[in-house]
Amino acid sequence: MSSSWGRAQTEPIAALAAVFALGVGLSLYAGAFDATAAELVTDREMAPHAADRLVAETTTFGAVVPPLAEHTDAASPRGYRLNASLRTDEGTWTEGRPRAPDPECVDRRVAVRVAPARVIPGLLEVCVWPAA
């Protein structure tokens, strides 16, 4: 067999420089993309995030457990006010600040535990608006 000395070899310093350049390029791209993505979040996109966070905060074993009072402040985005209403055939629970005239609202269908071992469907409405 013939040896391959002298063919298809790269100097170690050139290889390190290429890896460094690739790393810097990816870092700059990721930083620019992150800054652009942060600018894309507008005031009208806060309600879905707040609703998802409220569902995560109030869910136990796959079902929302009312009342929501102790979780509304934790689910409220910074700089915003939040109002949440949970409606079922068994009743309605409303927590949070009184609604502003034009809030951004979103609905989520959720399972609601109304009694031990009793889960029924419900509708969670979460409204957010900028704090004045």
N, C-alpha and C. Protein backbone atom coordinates (compact mmCIF):
# COMPACT_ATOMS: atom_id res chain seq x y z
N MET A 1 0.83 -1.17 0.00
CA MET A 1 0.00 0.00 0.00
C MET A 1 0.87 1.24 0.00
N SER A 2 0.40 2.22 -0.70
CA SER A 2 1.17 3.46 -0.73
C SER A 2 0.72 4.35 0.41
N SER A 3 1.65 5.07 0.95
CA SER A 3 1.30 5.99 2.02
C SER A 3 0.76 7.28 1.41
N SER A 4 -0.02 7.99 2.18
CA SER A 4 -0.64 9.21 1.67
C SER A 4 0.00 10.45 2.27
N TRP A 5 1.27 10.40 2.56
CA TRP A 5 1.95 11.58 3.07
C TRP A 5 1.96 12.66 2.02
N GLY A 6 1.57 13.84 2.41
CA GLY A 6 1.63 14.96 1.50
C GLY A 6 0.35 15.20 0.72
N ARG A 7 -0.63 14.30 0.82
CA ARG A 7 -1.88 14.51 0.08
C ARG A 7 -3.02 14.76 1.06
N ALA A 8 -3.90 15.71 0.74
CA ALA A 8 -5.12 16.00 1.49
C ALA A 8 -4.87 16.24 2.97
N GLN A 9 -3.86 16.98 3.25
CA GLN A 9 -3.59 17.33 4.64
C GLN A 9 -3.80 18.82 4.83
N THR A 10 -4.22 19.18 6.03
CA THR A 10 -4.42 20.58 6.37
C THR A 10 -3.54 20.91 7.56
N GLU A 11 -3.02 22.07 7.53
CA GLU A 11 -2.20 22.52 8.64
C GLU A 11 -3.10 22.70 9.87
N PRO A 12 -2.61 22.34 11.05
CA PRO A 12 -3.43 22.47 12.26
C PRO A 12 -3.86 23.91 12.54
N ILE A 13 -3.01 24.87 12.27
CA ILE A 13 -3.38 26.26 12.54
C ILE A 13 -4.48 26.71 11.59
N ALA A 14 -4.45 26.29 10.35
CA ALA A 14 -5.50 26.65 9.40
C ALA A 14 -6.83 26.01 9.82
N ALA A 15 -6.79 24.78 10.29
CA ALA A 15 -8.02 24.10 10.73
C ALA A 15 -8.60 24.81 11.96
N LEU A 16 -7.74 25.19 12.91
CA LEU A 16 -8.21 25.90 14.09
C LEU A 16 -8.80 27.26 13.72
N ALA A 17 -8.17 27.94 12.77
CA ALA A 17 -8.69 29.24 12.33
C ALA A 17 -10.07 29.08 11.67
N ALA A 18 -10.25 28.01 10.89
CA ALA A 18 -11.54 27.76 10.24
C ALA A 18 -12.62 27.46 11.28
N VAL A 19 -12.30 26.65 12.29
CA VAL A 19 -13.26 26.33 13.34
C VAL A 19 -13.61 27.59 14.14
N PHE A 20 -12.62 28.42 14.42
CA PHE A 20 -12.85 29.66 15.14
C PHE A 20 -13.77 30.59 14.34
N ALA A 21 -13.50 30.73 13.04
CA ALA A 21 -14.32 31.60 12.19
C ALA A 21 -15.76 31.09 12.12
N LEU A 22 -15.93 29.79 12.03
CA LEU A 22 -17.27 29.21 12.00
C LEU A 22 -18.00 29.48 13.32
N GLY A 23 -17.30 29.31 14.43
CA GLY A 23 -17.91 29.57 15.75
C GLY A 23 -18.32 31.03 15.91
N VAL A 24 -17.46 31.95 15.49
CA VAL A 24 -17.78 33.38 15.58
C VAL A 24 -18.98 33.70 14.69
N GLY A 25 -18.99 33.15 13.49
CA GLY A 25 -20.10 33.40 12.57
C GLY A 25 -21.43 32.91 13.12
N LEU A 26 -21.45 31.71 13.68
CA LEU A 26 -22.68 31.18 14.27
C LEU A 26 -23.11 31.99 15.48
N SER A 27 -22.16 32.43 16.29
CA SER A 27 -22.50 33.25 17.45
C SER A 27 -23.12 34.58 17.04
N LEU A 28 -22.55 35.22 16.04
CA LEU A 28 -23.10 36.49 15.56
C LEU A 28 -24.49 36.28 14.97
N TYR A 29 -24.67 35.21 14.21
CA TYR A 29 -25.98 34.93 13.62
C TYR A 29 -27.01 34.67 14.71
N ALA A 30 -26.66 33.87 15.71
CA ALA A 30 -27.60 33.57 16.80
C ALA A 30 -27.94 34.83 17.58
N GLY A 31 -26.97 35.67 17.83
CA GLY A 31 -27.22 36.92 18.56
C GLY A 31 -28.12 37.85 17.77
N ALA A 32 -27.90 37.96 16.48
CA ALA A 32 -28.74 38.82 15.65
C ALA A 32 -30.15 38.27 15.56
N PHE A 33 -30.29 36.95 15.45
CA PHE A 33 -31.61 36.34 15.38
C PHE A 33 -32.35 36.52 16.69
N ASP A 34 -31.67 36.39 17.82
CA ASP A 34 -32.31 36.56 19.12
C ASP A 34 -32.81 37.99 19.30
N ALA A 35 -32.02 38.95 18.89
CA ALA A 35 -32.43 40.36 19.00
C ALA A 35 -33.62 40.64 18.09
N THR A 36 -33.63 40.07 16.90
CA THR A 36 -34.75 40.27 15.98
C THR A 36 -36.00 39.61 16.51
N ALA A 37 -35.89 38.41 17.06
CA ALA A 37 -37.05 37.70 17.60
C ALA A 37 -37.65 38.47 18.77
N ALA A 38 -36.82 39.08 19.59
CA ALA A 38 -37.33 39.85 20.73
C ALA A 38 -38.12 41.06 20.26
N GLU A 39 -37.71 41.66 19.14
CA GLU A 39 -38.44 42.81 18.61
C GLU A 39 -39.77 42.41 18.00
N LEU A 40 -39.91 41.16 17.58
CA LEU A 40 -41.15 40.70 16.95
C LEU A 40 -42.27 40.50 17.95
N VAL A 41 -41.96 40.32 19.24
CA VAL A 41 -43.00 40.14 20.24
C VAL A 41 -43.62 41.49 20.51
N THR A 42 -44.90 41.58 20.22
CA THR A 42 -45.61 42.84 20.40
C THR A 42 -46.56 42.72 21.57
N ASP A 43 -47.20 43.83 21.89
CA ASP A 43 -48.17 43.83 22.98
C ASP A 43 -49.31 42.86 22.72
N ARG A 44 -49.64 42.63 21.48
CA ARG A 44 -50.77 41.77 21.14
C ARG A 44 -50.44 40.29 21.19
N GLU A 45 -49.28 39.94 21.64
CA GLU A 45 -48.91 38.54 21.75
C GLU A 45 -48.72 38.10 23.20
N MET A 46 -49.14 38.90 24.14
CA MET A 46 -48.92 38.57 25.55
C MET A 46 -49.98 37.63 26.11
N ALA A 47 -51.20 37.70 25.65
CA ALA A 47 -52.28 36.88 26.21
C ALA A 47 -52.02 35.38 26.06
N PRO A 48 -51.59 34.89 24.89
CA PRO A 48 -51.34 33.45 24.80
C PRO A 48 -50.25 32.96 25.76
N HIS A 49 -49.21 33.77 25.93
CA HIS A 49 -48.14 33.39 26.86
C HIS A 49 -48.66 33.39 28.30
N ALA A 50 -49.44 34.39 28.66
CA ALA A 50 -50.00 34.46 30.01
C ALA A 50 -50.96 33.30 30.26
N ALA A 51 -51.77 32.95 29.26
CA ALA A 51 -52.71 31.84 29.41
C ALA A 51 -51.97 30.52 29.59
N ASP A 52 -50.94 30.30 28.80
CA ASP A 52 -50.16 29.07 28.94
C ASP A 52 -49.50 28.99 30.31
N ARG A 53 -49.00 30.11 30.78
CA ARG A 53 -48.35 30.12 32.10
C ARG A 53 -49.37 29.89 33.22
N LEU A 54 -50.56 30.48 33.10
CA LEU A 54 -51.59 30.29 34.11
C LEU A 54 -52.05 28.83 34.13
N VAL A 55 -52.22 28.23 32.97
CA VAL A 55 -52.60 26.81 32.92
C VAL A 55 -51.51 25.96 33.58
N ALA A 56 -50.26 26.25 33.29
CA ALA A 56 -49.17 25.48 33.90
C ALA A 56 -49.13 25.67 35.41
N GLU A 57 -49.41 26.89 35.88
CA GLU A 57 -49.37 27.16 37.32
C GLU A 57 -50.52 26.50 38.08
N THR A 58 -51.69 26.39 37.46
CA THR A 58 -52.88 25.91 38.17
C THR A 58 -53.21 24.44 37.91
N THR A 59 -52.46 23.79 37.03
CA THR A 59 -52.77 22.40 36.68
C THR A 59 -52.12 21.43 37.65
N THR A 60 -52.93 20.50 38.12
CA THR A 60 -52.44 19.40 38.95
C THR A 60 -52.98 18.10 38.36
N PHE A 61 -52.10 17.21 38.00
CA PHE A 61 -52.46 15.93 37.39
C PHE A 61 -53.36 16.11 36.17
N GLY A 62 -53.06 17.11 35.34
CA GLY A 62 -53.76 17.31 34.09
C GLY A 62 -55.04 18.10 34.15
N ALA A 63 -55.42 18.59 35.31
CA ALA A 63 -56.66 19.36 35.44
C ALA A 63 -56.41 20.65 36.20
N VAL A 64 -57.05 21.72 35.76
CA VAL A 64 -56.97 23.00 36.45
C VAL A 64 -57.79 22.90 37.73
N VAL A 65 -57.20 23.40 38.81
CA VAL A 65 -57.87 23.35 40.11
C VAL A 65 -58.20 24.77 40.55
N PRO A 66 -59.51 25.14 40.55
CA PRO A 66 -59.86 26.48 41.03
C PRO A 66 -59.75 26.53 42.55
N PRO A 67 -59.63 27.68 43.14
CA PRO A 67 -59.65 29.02 42.55
C PRO A 67 -58.29 29.38 41.97
N LEU A 68 -58.28 30.42 41.17
CA LEU A 68 -57.08 30.85 40.46
C LEU A 68 -56.35 31.99 41.16
N ALA A 69 -56.88 32.48 42.28
CA ALA A 69 -56.40 33.71 42.92
C ALA A 69 -54.90 33.71 43.19
N GLU A 70 -54.37 32.65 43.74
CA GLU A 70 -52.96 32.66 44.12
C GLU A 70 -52.02 32.54 42.93
N HIS A 71 -52.54 32.28 41.74
CA HIS A 71 -51.68 32.08 40.57
C HIS A 71 -51.75 33.20 39.55
N THR A 72 -52.71 34.10 39.64
CA THR A 72 -52.85 35.13 38.62
C THR A 72 -51.68 36.11 38.62
N ASP A 73 -51.18 36.48 39.79
CA ASP A 73 -50.03 37.40 39.82
C ASP A 73 -48.78 36.76 39.25
N ALA A 74 -48.57 35.48 39.52
CA ALA A 74 -47.38 34.79 39.00
C ALA A 74 -47.46 34.62 37.48
N ALA A 75 -48.66 34.48 36.93
CA ALA A 75 -48.81 34.28 35.49
C ALA A 75 -48.83 35.59 34.70
N SER A 76 -49.00 36.71 35.38
CA SER A 76 -49.08 38.00 34.71
C SER A 76 -47.71 38.42 34.18
N PRO A 77 -47.61 38.77 32.88
CA PRO A 77 -46.33 39.23 32.35
C PRO A 77 -45.90 40.54 33.02
N ARG A 78 -44.62 40.75 33.12
CA ARG A 78 -44.10 41.97 33.74
C ARG A 78 -44.56 43.19 32.96
N GLY A 79 -45.12 44.14 33.68
CA GLY A 79 -45.60 45.37 33.05
C GLY A 79 -47.02 45.27 32.52
N TYR A 80 -47.71 44.17 32.85
CA TYR A 80 -49.07 43.97 32.37
C TYR A 80 -49.98 43.60 33.53
N ARG A 81 -51.27 43.83 33.35
CA ARG A 81 -52.29 43.40 34.30
C ARG A 81 -53.00 42.19 33.70
N LEU A 82 -53.55 41.33 34.56
CA LEU A 82 -54.17 40.10 34.10
C LEU A 82 -55.51 39.88 34.78
N ASN A 83 -56.46 39.38 34.01
CA ASN A 83 -57.76 38.96 34.53
C ASN A 83 -58.06 37.60 33.93
N ALA A 84 -58.47 36.64 34.76
CA ALA A 84 -58.75 35.29 34.29
C ALA A 84 -60.14 34.85 34.75
N SER A 85 -60.87 34.22 33.84
CA SER A 85 -62.19 33.68 34.15
C SER A 85 -62.21 32.21 33.74
N LEU A 86 -62.67 31.38 34.64
CA LEU A 86 -62.78 29.94 34.38
C LEU A 86 -64.26 29.58 34.46
N ARG A 87 -64.82 29.12 33.33
CA ARG A 87 -66.25 28.79 33.28
C ARG A 87 -66.44 27.30 33.07
N THR A 88 -67.35 26.72 33.86
CA THR A 88 -67.78 25.33 33.70
C THR A 88 -69.30 25.27 33.90
N ASP A 89 -69.88 24.09 33.73
CA ASP A 89 -71.30 23.92 34.03
C ASP A 89 -71.57 24.05 35.53
N GLU A 90 -70.53 23.85 36.33
CA GLU A 90 -70.66 23.90 37.79
C GLU A 90 -70.57 25.32 38.35
N GLY A 91 -69.98 26.24 37.59
CA GLY A 91 -69.83 27.60 38.09
C GLY A 91 -68.78 28.39 37.33
N THR A 92 -68.54 29.60 37.80
CA THR A 92 -67.56 30.50 37.19
C THR A 92 -66.67 31.08 38.27
N TRP A 93 -65.36 31.11 37.99
CA TRP A 93 -64.39 31.70 38.90
C TRP A 93 -63.68 32.80 38.13
N THR A 94 -63.64 34.01 38.70
CA THR A 94 -62.95 35.13 38.08
C THR A 94 -61.97 35.70 39.08
N GLU A 95 -60.75 35.90 38.62
CA GLU A 95 -59.68 36.43 39.48
C GLU A 95 -58.89 37.47 38.72
N GLY A 96 -58.22 38.33 39.45
CA GLY A 96 -57.35 39.33 38.85
C GLY A 96 -57.95 40.71 38.93
N ARG A 97 -57.32 41.62 38.26
CA ARG A 97 -57.73 43.02 38.27
C ARG A 97 -58.97 43.23 37.41
N PRO A 98 -59.76 44.27 37.69
CA PRO A 98 -60.87 44.60 36.79
C PRO A 98 -60.34 44.88 35.39
N ARG A 99 -61.06 44.43 34.39
CA ARG A 99 -60.59 44.54 33.01
C ARG A 99 -60.53 45.97 32.53
N ALA A 100 -59.54 46.23 31.70
CA ALA A 100 -59.42 47.52 31.02
C ALA A 100 -60.43 47.55 29.88
N PRO A 101 -60.67 48.73 29.29
CA PRO A 101 -61.65 48.82 28.21
C PRO A 101 -61.33 47.96 26.98
N ASP A 102 -60.05 47.81 26.63
CA ASP A 102 -59.70 47.07 25.41
C ASP A 102 -58.56 46.07 25.68
N PRO A 103 -58.81 45.00 26.44
CA PRO A 103 -57.73 44.06 26.72
C PRO A 103 -57.55 43.06 25.58
N GLU A 104 -56.41 42.43 25.57
CA GLU A 104 -56.16 41.32 24.65
C GLU A 104 -56.56 40.04 25.38
N CYS A 105 -57.46 39.26 24.80
CA CYS A 105 -57.97 38.07 25.48
C CYS A 105 -57.73 36.82 24.63
N VAL A 106 -57.61 35.70 25.30
CA VAL A 106 -57.45 34.41 24.63
C VAL A 106 -58.18 33.35 25.46
N ASP A 107 -58.74 32.36 24.79
CA ASP A 107 -59.46 31.28 25.45
C ASP A 107 -58.67 29.98 25.36
N ARG A 108 -58.79 29.16 26.39
CA ARG A 108 -58.18 27.83 26.41
C ARG A 108 -59.22 26.84 26.93
N ARG A 109 -59.40 25.75 26.23
CA ARG A 109 -60.25 24.67 26.74
C ARG A 109 -59.39 23.85 27.70
N VAL A 110 -59.90 23.63 28.90
CA VAL A 110 -59.14 22.93 29.93
C VAL A 110 -60.04 21.93 30.64
N ALA A 111 -59.40 20.97 31.28
CA ALA A 111 -60.10 20.08 32.19
C ALA A 111 -60.06 20.72 33.57
N VAL A 112 -61.19 20.69 34.29
CA VAL A 112 -61.29 21.36 35.58
C VAL A 112 -61.70 20.34 36.64
N ARG A 113 -60.93 20.32 37.72
CA ARG A 113 -61.29 19.44 38.83
C ARG A 113 -62.19 20.22 39.79
N VAL A 114 -63.46 19.81 39.86
CA VAL A 114 -64.43 20.51 40.71
C VAL A 114 -64.63 19.80 42.04
N ALA A 115 -64.19 18.58 42.13
CA ALA A 115 -64.29 17.80 43.36
C ALA A 115 -63.26 16.68 43.26
N PRO A 116 -62.91 16.06 44.38
CA PRO A 116 -61.98 14.94 44.29
C PRO A 116 -62.52 13.87 43.34
N ALA A 117 -61.69 13.47 42.40
CA ALA A 117 -62.02 12.44 41.41
C ALA A 117 -63.15 12.86 40.47
N ARG A 118 -63.41 14.16 40.34
CA ARG A 118 -64.45 14.65 39.42
C ARG A 118 -63.87 15.77 38.56
N VAL A 119 -63.69 15.46 37.28
CA VAL A 119 -63.11 16.40 36.33
C VAL A 119 -64.11 16.64 35.21
N ILE A 120 -64.33 17.92 34.90
CA ILE A 120 -65.27 18.29 33.84
C ILE A 120 -64.60 19.28 32.89
N PRO A 121 -65.12 19.44 31.67
CA PRO A 121 -64.52 20.42 30.75
C PRO A 121 -64.86 21.85 31.16
N GLY A 122 -63.95 22.75 30.83
CA GLY A 122 -64.15 24.15 31.14
C GLY A 122 -63.48 25.04 30.12
N LEU A 123 -63.74 26.33 30.23
CA LEU A 123 -63.16 27.32 29.34
C LEU A 123 -62.46 28.38 30.19
N LEU A 124 -61.18 28.54 29.95
CA LEU A 124 -60.38 29.54 30.66
C LEU A 124 -60.16 30.72 29.72
N GLU A 125 -60.58 31.90 30.14
CA GLU A 125 -60.36 33.11 29.37
C GLU A 125 -59.36 33.98 30.14
N VAL A 126 -58.27 34.33 29.47
CA VAL A 126 -57.23 35.15 30.08
C VAL A 126 -57.12 36.44 29.28
N CYS A 127 -57.20 37.57 29.97
CA CYS A 127 -57.08 38.88 29.34
C CYS A 127 -55.91 39.63 29.97
N VAL A 128 -55.13 40.29 29.13
CA VAL A 128 -54.00 41.10 29.61
C VAL A 128 -54.04 42.46 28.93
N TRP A 129 -53.47 43.46 29.62
CA TRP A 129 -53.35 44.81 29.09
C TRP A 129 -52.18 45.47 29.79
N PRO A 130 -51.56 46.45 29.13
CA PRO A 130 -50.41 47.12 29.74
C PRO A 130 -50.80 47.84 31.01
N ALA A 131 -49.91 47.78 32.00
CA ALA A 131 -50.14 48.49 33.26
C ALA A 131 -49.99 49.99 33.01
N ALA A 132 -50.84 50.74 33.63
CA ALA A 132 -50.77 52.20 33.42
C ALA A 132 -49.86 52.86 34.43
